[in-house]
N, C-alpha and C. Protein backbone atom coordinates (compact mmCIF):
# COMPACT_ATOMS: atom_id res chain seq x y z
N UNK A 1 -11.10 7.37 -3.97
CA UNK A 1 -9.80 6.97 -4.45
C UNK A 1 -9.84 5.48 -4.77
N UNK A 2 -9.50 5.11 -5.95
CA UNK A 2 -9.55 3.71 -6.38
C UNK A 2 -8.57 2.85 -5.59
N UNK A 3 -9.04 1.66 -5.21
CA UNK A 3 -8.17 0.69 -4.57
C UNK A 3 -7.99 0.82 -3.07
N UNK A 4 -8.43 1.91 -2.46
CA UNK A 4 -8.18 2.09 -1.03
C UNK A 4 -9.16 1.32 -0.16
N UNK A 5 -10.31 0.94 -0.67
CA UNK A 5 -11.31 0.27 0.15
C UNK A 5 -11.12 -1.24 0.20
N UNK A 6 -10.41 -1.80 -0.75
CA UNK A 6 -10.23 -3.25 -0.81
C UNK A 6 -9.12 -3.69 0.13
N UNK A 7 -9.38 -4.71 0.95
CA UNK A 7 -8.31 -5.21 1.81
C UNK A 7 -7.22 -5.89 0.99
N UNK A 8 -6.02 -5.86 1.52
CA UNK A 8 -4.88 -6.51 0.90
C UNK A 8 -4.48 -7.66 1.81
N UNK A 9 -4.42 -8.84 1.26
CA UNK A 9 -4.02 -9.98 2.07
C UNK A 9 -2.57 -10.31 1.79
N UNK A 10 -1.88 -10.72 2.83
CA UNK A 10 -0.48 -11.07 2.70
C UNK A 10 -0.24 -12.34 3.50
N UNK A 11 0.54 -13.23 2.95
CA UNK A 11 0.88 -14.49 3.62
C UNK A 11 2.38 -14.45 3.93
N UNK A 12 2.76 -14.70 5.17
CA UNK A 12 4.18 -14.66 5.51
C UNK A 12 5.00 -15.60 4.63
N UNK A 13 6.21 -15.16 4.29
CA UNK A 13 7.14 -16.00 3.54
C UNK A 13 8.00 -16.81 4.49
N UNK A 14 8.02 -16.41 5.75
CA UNK A 14 8.83 -17.10 6.74
C UNK A 14 8.60 -16.53 8.12
N UNK A 15 9.51 -16.84 9.01
CA UNK A 15 9.39 -16.43 10.41
C UNK A 15 10.78 -16.15 10.98
N UNK A 16 10.83 -15.26 11.96
CA UNK A 16 12.07 -14.98 12.68
C UNK A 16 12.26 -16.08 13.72
N UNK A 17 13.46 -16.65 13.73
CA UNK A 17 13.80 -17.70 14.69
C UNK A 17 14.98 -17.21 15.51
N UNK A 18 14.83 -17.23 16.81
CA UNK A 18 15.92 -16.82 17.69
C UNK A 18 16.00 -15.32 17.84
N UNK A 19 17.12 -14.88 18.36
CA UNK A 19 17.26 -13.46 18.66
C UNK A 19 16.51 -13.12 19.93
N UNK A 20 16.04 -11.94 20.00
CA UNK A 20 15.33 -11.44 21.18
C UNK A 20 13.94 -12.06 21.27
N UNK A 21 13.54 -12.45 22.47
CA UNK A 21 12.22 -13.05 22.64
C UNK A 21 11.20 -12.06 23.19
N UNK A 22 11.66 -10.97 23.75
CA UNK A 22 10.76 -9.97 24.31
C UNK A 22 10.88 -8.66 23.53
N UNK A 23 9.77 -7.94 23.44
CA UNK A 23 9.74 -6.67 22.73
C UNK A 23 10.20 -5.56 23.68
N UNK A 24 11.32 -4.92 23.37
CA UNK A 24 11.74 -3.71 24.06
C UNK A 24 12.67 -2.94 23.12
N UNK A 25 12.67 -1.64 23.28
CA UNK A 25 13.43 -0.77 22.38
C UNK A 25 14.91 -0.79 22.70
N UNK A 26 15.70 -0.45 21.69
CA UNK A 26 17.13 -0.19 21.79
C UNK A 26 18.01 -1.44 21.81
N UNK A 27 19.28 -1.19 21.49
CA UNK A 27 20.34 -2.21 21.45
C UNK A 27 20.06 -3.35 20.48
N UNK A 28 19.48 -3.07 19.35
CA UNK A 28 19.19 -4.10 18.37
C UNK A 28 20.41 -4.49 17.54
N UNK A 29 21.42 -3.64 17.48
CA UNK A 29 22.55 -3.86 16.59
C UNK A 29 23.30 -5.15 16.81
N UNK A 30 23.33 -5.63 18.03
CA UNK A 30 24.08 -6.86 18.31
C UNK A 30 23.22 -8.12 18.26
N UNK A 31 21.91 -7.95 18.05
CA UNK A 31 21.01 -9.10 17.99
C UNK A 31 21.25 -9.94 16.74
N UNK A 32 21.33 -11.22 16.92
CA UNK A 32 21.46 -12.16 15.79
C UNK A 32 20.24 -13.05 15.78
N UNK A 33 19.75 -13.31 14.58
CA UNK A 33 18.56 -14.15 14.43
C UNK A 33 18.62 -14.84 13.08
N UNK A 34 17.68 -15.72 12.85
CA UNK A 34 17.55 -16.43 11.59
C UNK A 34 16.17 -16.11 11.02
N UNK A 35 16.14 -15.82 9.74
CA UNK A 35 14.87 -15.72 9.03
C UNK A 35 14.71 -17.04 8.30
N UNK A 36 13.71 -17.81 8.69
CA UNK A 36 13.50 -19.15 8.12
C UNK A 36 12.31 -19.09 7.17
N UNK A 37 12.58 -19.40 5.89
CA UNK A 37 11.51 -19.42 4.90
C UNK A 37 10.59 -20.61 5.11
N UNK A 38 9.36 -20.44 4.67
CA UNK A 38 8.33 -21.47 4.74
C UNK A 38 8.68 -22.59 3.76
N UNK A 39 9.03 -23.77 4.29
CA UNK A 39 9.47 -24.90 3.47
C UNK A 39 8.36 -25.47 2.59
N UNK A 40 7.10 -25.19 2.91
CA UNK A 40 6.00 -25.67 2.08
C UNK A 40 5.86 -24.86 0.80
N UNK A 41 6.34 -23.63 0.83
CA UNK A 41 6.21 -22.74 -0.33
C UNK A 41 7.50 -22.49 -1.08
N UNK A 42 8.64 -22.63 -0.41
CA UNK A 42 9.91 -22.24 -1.01
C UNK A 42 10.94 -23.34 -0.89
N UNK A 43 11.83 -23.38 -1.86
CA UNK A 43 13.01 -24.22 -1.79
C UNK A 43 14.21 -23.31 -1.62
N UNK A 44 15.39 -23.89 -1.38
CA UNK A 44 16.60 -23.08 -1.19
C UNK A 44 16.90 -22.15 -2.36
N UNK A 45 16.43 -22.49 -3.55
CA UNK A 45 16.71 -21.64 -4.72
C UNK A 45 16.10 -20.25 -4.59
N UNK A 46 15.10 -20.09 -3.73
CA UNK A 46 14.51 -18.76 -3.51
C UNK A 46 15.52 -17.79 -2.91
N UNK A 47 16.57 -18.33 -2.29
CA UNK A 47 17.58 -17.49 -1.65
C UNK A 47 18.91 -17.45 -2.42
N UNK A 48 18.98 -18.13 -3.55
CA UNK A 48 20.23 -18.14 -4.33
C UNK A 48 20.68 -16.71 -4.61
N UNK A 49 21.92 -16.42 -4.32
CA UNK A 49 22.51 -15.12 -4.61
C UNK A 49 22.39 -14.12 -3.48
N UNK A 50 21.53 -14.36 -2.49
CA UNK A 50 21.36 -13.39 -1.41
C UNK A 50 22.64 -13.24 -0.59
N UNK A 51 23.43 -14.30 -0.49
CA UNK A 51 24.67 -14.23 0.28
C UNK A 51 25.69 -13.28 -0.33
N UNK A 52 25.47 -12.87 -1.59
CA UNK A 52 26.37 -11.92 -2.24
C UNK A 52 26.10 -10.47 -1.81
N UNK A 53 25.03 -10.25 -1.08
CA UNK A 53 24.68 -8.91 -0.59
C UNK A 53 25.07 -8.79 0.87
N UNK A 54 25.52 -7.61 1.26
CA UNK A 54 25.91 -7.38 2.66
C UNK A 54 24.69 -7.21 3.56
N UNK A 55 23.60 -6.68 3.00
CA UNK A 55 22.41 -6.38 3.80
C UNK A 55 21.14 -6.83 3.09
N UNK A 56 20.13 -7.07 3.89
CA UNK A 56 18.81 -7.44 3.38
C UNK A 56 17.77 -6.56 4.08
N UNK A 57 16.77 -6.16 3.33
CA UNK A 57 15.64 -5.44 3.92
C UNK A 57 14.56 -6.46 4.23
N UNK A 58 14.09 -6.44 5.46
CA UNK A 58 13.12 -7.41 5.94
C UNK A 58 11.82 -6.68 6.24
N UNK A 59 10.76 -7.11 5.58
CA UNK A 59 9.42 -6.57 5.83
C UNK A 59 8.72 -7.59 6.72
N UNK A 60 8.19 -7.13 7.83
CA UNK A 60 7.59 -8.07 8.77
C UNK A 60 6.32 -7.49 9.40
N UNK A 61 5.61 -8.34 10.12
CA UNK A 61 4.34 -7.95 10.74
C UNK A 61 4.52 -7.84 12.24
N UNK A 62 4.15 -6.68 12.80
CA UNK A 62 4.17 -6.49 14.25
C UNK A 62 2.98 -7.25 14.83
N UNK A 63 3.07 -8.55 14.89
CA UNK A 63 1.94 -9.39 15.27
C UNK A 63 1.59 -9.31 16.75
N UNK A 64 2.46 -8.76 17.57
CA UNK A 64 2.17 -8.68 19.00
C UNK A 64 1.50 -7.37 19.41
N UNK A 65 1.30 -6.48 18.44
CA UNK A 65 0.61 -5.22 18.74
C UNK A 65 -0.90 -5.49 18.69
N UNK A 66 -1.60 -5.35 19.81
CA UNK A 66 -3.05 -5.56 19.80
C UNK A 66 -3.74 -4.50 18.92
N UNK A 67 -4.78 -4.92 18.23
CA UNK A 67 -5.50 -4.03 17.32
C UNK A 67 -5.94 -2.75 18.04
N UNK A 68 -6.33 -2.85 19.29
CA UNK A 68 -6.80 -1.66 20.02
C UNK A 68 -5.67 -0.68 20.33
N UNK A 69 -4.42 -1.07 20.14
CA UNK A 69 -3.27 -0.19 20.39
C UNK A 69 -2.80 0.53 19.11
N UNK A 70 -3.43 0.24 17.99
CA UNK A 70 -3.03 0.87 16.72
C UNK A 70 -3.28 2.37 16.79
N UNK A 71 -2.32 3.13 16.30
CA UNK A 71 -2.40 4.59 16.24
C UNK A 71 -2.72 5.02 14.81
N UNK A 72 -3.56 6.03 14.67
CA UNK A 72 -3.87 6.54 13.33
C UNK A 72 -3.66 8.05 13.23
N UNK A 73 -3.42 8.69 14.34
CA UNK A 73 -3.24 10.14 14.32
C UNK A 73 -1.83 10.54 14.69
N UNK A 74 -1.73 11.46 15.63
CA UNK A 74 -0.44 11.96 16.07
C UNK A 74 -0.20 11.53 17.51
N UNK A 75 1.07 11.44 17.85
CA UNK A 75 1.46 11.10 19.22
C UNK A 75 2.88 11.58 19.44
N UNK A 76 3.29 11.59 20.70
CA UNK A 76 4.67 11.90 21.04
C UNK A 76 5.46 10.59 20.89
N UNK A 77 6.52 10.56 20.09
CA UNK A 77 7.29 9.33 19.95
C UNK A 77 7.70 8.76 21.31
N UNK A 78 7.46 7.47 21.47
CA UNK A 78 7.74 6.74 22.72
C UNK A 78 7.08 7.38 23.93
N UNK A 79 6.04 8.17 23.70
CA UNK A 79 5.32 8.81 24.80
C UNK A 79 6.10 9.93 25.48
N UNK A 80 7.20 10.36 24.88
CA UNK A 80 8.06 11.38 25.46
C UNK A 80 7.51 12.77 25.12
N UNK A 81 6.96 13.45 26.11
CA UNK A 81 6.35 14.77 25.89
C UNK A 81 7.38 15.87 25.62
N UNK A 82 8.67 15.55 25.78
CA UNK A 82 9.72 16.51 25.41
C UNK A 82 9.90 16.55 23.90
N UNK A 83 9.39 15.54 23.21
CA UNK A 83 9.46 15.48 21.76
C UNK A 83 8.12 15.94 21.19
N UNK A 84 8.12 16.45 19.98
CA UNK A 84 6.88 17.02 19.42
C UNK A 84 5.82 15.96 19.13
N UNK A 85 4.62 16.42 19.04
CA UNK A 85 3.49 15.60 18.62
C UNK A 85 3.61 15.43 17.10
N UNK A 86 3.79 14.20 16.64
CA UNK A 86 3.96 13.96 15.21
C UNK A 86 3.04 12.84 14.76
N UNK A 87 2.63 12.89 13.51
CA UNK A 87 1.74 11.89 12.94
C UNK A 87 2.38 10.51 12.87
N UNK A 88 1.57 9.48 12.89
CA UNK A 88 2.06 8.10 12.87
C UNK A 88 2.92 7.83 11.63
N UNK A 89 2.65 8.53 10.53
CA UNK A 89 3.45 8.33 9.32
C UNK A 89 4.73 9.16 9.31
N UNK A 90 4.98 9.93 10.37
CA UNK A 90 6.22 10.69 10.51
C UNK A 90 7.11 10.06 11.58
N UNK A 91 6.83 8.81 11.91
CA UNK A 91 7.64 8.06 12.87
C UNK A 91 7.60 6.58 12.50
N UNK A 92 8.41 5.79 13.18
CA UNK A 92 8.53 4.38 12.80
C UNK A 92 8.05 3.44 13.90
N UNK A 93 7.18 3.92 14.79
CA UNK A 93 6.67 3.11 15.88
C UNK A 93 5.92 1.86 15.42
N UNK A 94 5.83 0.88 16.29
CA UNK A 94 5.22 -0.40 15.95
C UNK A 94 3.68 -0.37 15.92
N UNK A 95 3.08 0.62 16.51
CA UNK A 95 1.61 0.68 16.59
C UNK A 95 1.01 1.32 15.34
N UNK A 96 1.49 0.92 14.19
CA UNK A 96 1.11 1.50 12.90
C UNK A 96 -0.23 0.94 12.44
N UNK A 97 -0.90 1.63 11.52
CA UNK A 97 -2.21 1.15 11.06
C UNK A 97 -2.22 -0.29 10.53
N UNK A 98 -1.22 -0.70 9.79
CA UNK A 98 -1.18 -2.07 9.28
C UNK A 98 -0.14 -2.93 9.99
N UNK A 99 0.46 -2.39 11.04
CA UNK A 99 1.44 -3.12 11.86
C UNK A 99 2.55 -3.75 11.01
N UNK A 100 3.04 -2.99 10.04
CA UNK A 100 4.11 -3.46 9.17
C UNK A 100 5.43 -2.82 9.59
N UNK A 101 6.44 -3.66 9.76
CA UNK A 101 7.77 -3.20 10.11
C UNK A 101 8.73 -3.39 8.95
N UNK A 102 9.79 -2.60 8.94
CA UNK A 102 10.81 -2.69 7.91
C UNK A 102 12.15 -2.52 8.60
N UNK A 103 13.06 -3.44 8.34
CA UNK A 103 14.38 -3.39 8.96
C UNK A 103 15.43 -3.71 7.92
N UNK A 104 16.53 -3.02 7.98
CA UNK A 104 17.68 -3.32 7.12
C UNK A 104 18.74 -3.93 8.03
N UNK A 105 19.15 -5.15 7.74
CA UNK A 105 20.11 -5.81 8.61
C UNK A 105 21.21 -6.50 7.81
N UNK A 106 22.28 -6.84 8.49
CA UNK A 106 23.44 -7.47 7.87
C UNK A 106 23.16 -8.95 7.62
N UNK A 107 23.53 -9.40 6.43
CA UNK A 107 23.44 -10.83 6.11
C UNK A 107 24.73 -11.48 6.59
N UNK A 108 24.62 -12.44 7.50
CA UNK A 108 25.79 -13.16 8.00
C UNK A 108 26.04 -14.43 7.20
N UNK A 109 24.95 -15.12 6.83
CA UNK A 109 25.07 -16.37 6.07
C UNK A 109 23.70 -16.75 5.53
N UNK A 110 23.74 -17.55 4.47
CA UNK A 110 22.53 -18.16 3.93
C UNK A 110 22.78 -19.66 3.92
N UNK A 111 21.87 -20.40 4.55
CA UNK A 111 22.04 -21.84 4.68
C UNK A 111 20.70 -22.52 4.42
N UNK A 112 20.54 -23.07 3.23
CA UNK A 112 19.27 -23.71 2.87
C UNK A 112 18.16 -22.68 2.86
N UNK A 113 17.18 -22.83 3.74
CA UNK A 113 16.05 -21.89 3.84
C UNK A 113 16.26 -20.85 4.95
N UNK A 114 17.44 -20.82 5.53
CA UNK A 114 17.74 -19.92 6.64
C UNK A 114 18.64 -18.78 6.21
N UNK A 115 18.24 -17.56 6.58
CA UNK A 115 19.08 -16.38 6.39
C UNK A 115 19.49 -15.92 7.77
N UNK A 116 20.78 -16.00 8.07
CA UNK A 116 21.32 -15.58 9.36
C UNK A 116 21.62 -14.09 9.25
N UNK A 117 21.07 -13.31 10.20
CA UNK A 117 21.20 -11.86 10.12
C UNK A 117 21.63 -11.27 11.46
N UNK A 118 22.10 -10.05 11.39
CA UNK A 118 22.47 -9.28 12.58
C UNK A 118 21.82 -7.91 12.48
N UNK A 119 21.23 -7.45 13.61
CA UNK A 119 20.63 -6.13 13.65
C UNK A 119 19.17 -6.09 13.24
N UNK A 120 18.50 -7.23 13.22
CA UNK A 120 17.07 -7.27 12.88
C UNK A 120 16.28 -6.87 14.12
N UNK A 121 15.45 -5.85 13.99
CA UNK A 121 14.66 -5.38 15.14
C UNK A 121 13.26 -6.01 15.15
N UNK A 122 13.23 -7.32 15.06
CA UNK A 122 12.00 -8.11 15.18
C UNK A 122 12.32 -9.27 16.11
N UNK A 123 11.33 -9.73 16.85
CA UNK A 123 11.55 -10.75 17.87
C UNK A 123 11.25 -12.16 17.35
N UNK A 124 11.71 -13.14 18.09
CA UNK A 124 11.50 -14.55 17.78
C UNK A 124 10.01 -14.81 17.53
N UNK A 125 9.71 -15.46 16.43
CA UNK A 125 8.33 -15.80 16.08
C UNK A 125 7.63 -14.78 15.21
N UNK A 126 8.27 -13.66 14.91
CA UNK A 126 7.65 -12.62 14.09
C UNK A 126 7.46 -13.12 12.65
N UNK A 127 6.25 -12.95 12.09
CA UNK A 127 6.03 -13.33 10.69
C UNK A 127 6.77 -12.38 9.75
N UNK A 128 7.50 -12.95 8.80
CA UNK A 128 8.24 -12.18 7.80
C UNK A 128 7.42 -12.17 6.52
N UNK A 129 7.14 -10.98 5.99
CA UNK A 129 6.30 -10.81 4.81
C UNK A 129 7.09 -10.80 3.52
N UNK A 130 8.34 -10.31 3.57
CA UNK A 130 9.15 -10.23 2.35
C UNK A 130 10.60 -9.98 2.71
N UNK A 131 11.48 -10.33 1.81
CA UNK A 131 12.91 -10.04 1.90
C UNK A 131 13.33 -9.39 0.60
N UNK A 132 14.17 -8.36 0.71
CA UNK A 132 14.70 -7.71 -0.48
C UNK A 132 16.16 -7.40 -0.23
N UNK A 133 17.03 -7.72 -1.19
CA UNK A 133 18.44 -7.38 -1.00
C UNK A 133 18.59 -5.86 -1.00
N UNK A 134 19.47 -5.37 -0.13
CA UNK A 134 19.73 -3.93 -0.13
C UNK A 134 20.71 -3.62 -1.24
N UNK A 135 20.35 -2.69 -2.09
CA UNK A 135 21.20 -2.24 -3.18
C UNK A 135 21.49 -0.75 -3.00
N UNK A 136 22.73 -0.39 -3.16
CA UNK A 136 23.16 1.00 -2.97
C UNK A 136 22.28 1.97 -3.76
N UNK A 137 21.89 1.57 -4.95
CA UNK A 137 21.11 2.47 -5.81
C UNK A 137 19.72 2.78 -5.24
N UNK A 138 19.26 1.99 -4.26
CA UNK A 138 17.98 2.28 -3.62
C UNK A 138 18.14 3.19 -2.40
N UNK A 139 19.37 3.54 -2.06
CA UNK A 139 19.59 4.47 -0.96
C UNK A 139 19.08 5.85 -1.38
N UNK A 140 18.79 6.70 -0.43
CA UNK A 140 18.33 8.04 -0.80
C UNK A 140 19.35 8.77 -1.66
N UNK A 141 18.85 9.49 -2.64
CA UNK A 141 19.72 10.32 -3.48
C UNK A 141 19.79 11.70 -2.86
N UNK A 142 20.96 12.24 -2.84
CA UNK A 142 21.12 13.58 -2.28
C UNK A 142 21.22 13.53 -0.76
N UNK A 143 21.21 14.71 -0.20
CA UNK A 143 21.35 14.86 1.23
C UNK A 143 20.08 14.43 1.95
N UNK A 144 20.22 13.84 3.12
CA UNK A 144 19.06 13.47 3.93
C UNK A 144 18.97 14.39 5.13
N UNK A 145 17.79 14.46 5.73
CA UNK A 145 17.60 15.27 6.93
C UNK A 145 16.58 14.59 7.83
N UNK A 146 16.65 14.91 9.10
CA UNK A 146 15.66 14.43 10.05
C UNK A 146 15.66 15.39 11.23
N UNK A 147 14.56 15.44 11.98
CA UNK A 147 14.48 16.36 13.11
C UNK A 147 15.34 15.87 14.28
N UNK A 148 15.73 16.77 15.17
CA UNK A 148 16.58 16.40 16.31
C UNK A 148 15.99 15.31 17.20
N UNK A 149 14.65 15.29 17.38
CA UNK A 149 14.06 14.26 18.24
C UNK A 149 14.31 12.86 17.67
N UNK A 150 14.32 12.72 16.35
CA UNK A 150 14.55 11.41 15.72
C UNK A 150 15.99 10.95 15.97
N UNK A 151 16.93 11.87 15.89
CA UNK A 151 18.32 11.54 16.17
C UNK A 151 18.47 11.10 17.62
N UNK A 152 17.83 11.80 18.54
CA UNK A 152 17.89 11.43 19.97
C UNK A 152 17.25 10.06 20.20
N UNK A 153 16.12 9.80 19.59
CA UNK A 153 15.42 8.53 19.76
C UNK A 153 16.27 7.37 19.27
N UNK A 154 16.96 7.56 18.16
CA UNK A 154 17.72 6.48 17.54
C UNK A 154 19.13 6.30 18.13
N UNK A 155 19.53 7.18 19.02
CA UNK A 155 20.89 7.15 19.55
C UNK A 155 21.30 5.78 20.06
N UNK A 156 20.44 5.08 20.76
CA UNK A 156 20.80 3.76 21.31
C UNK A 156 20.05 2.62 20.65
N UNK A 157 19.37 2.90 19.54
CA UNK A 157 18.53 1.87 18.91
C UNK A 157 19.35 0.71 18.37
N UNK A 158 20.42 1.03 17.65
CA UNK A 158 21.29 -0.01 17.14
C UNK A 158 22.60 0.02 17.89
């Protein structure tokens, strides 16, 4: 398959400042943090117009997951044997092959190189790879579905 053998390099556009300092699941909805852009690469104009959006999608790197903890097969989500054995690509756990996280959070304010957000499930110091404004047209079209274990897992997440 063309292109799968070549590594992809990515340089963070910024970092998470504040919010939660320790990694633990659940109750992310009330967390407030700042996404601070790299001042050597970006000026405030990189964020012009973002304050007009209610939400932003944040792509980040799970930098605290040790390489030896990466999962490539199937596992029980959160180690709960009451839930089915599912492949790593059928769940959103942090021990992913490329340790990439994605979060949709509320934009509270944009101030210079800082984006103030609520509900970001990344901790203080997390490298941010990209920001994208959330647009309604990118929401799923049609009805969505998910298995019961996913609903149970997410019950207290936000």
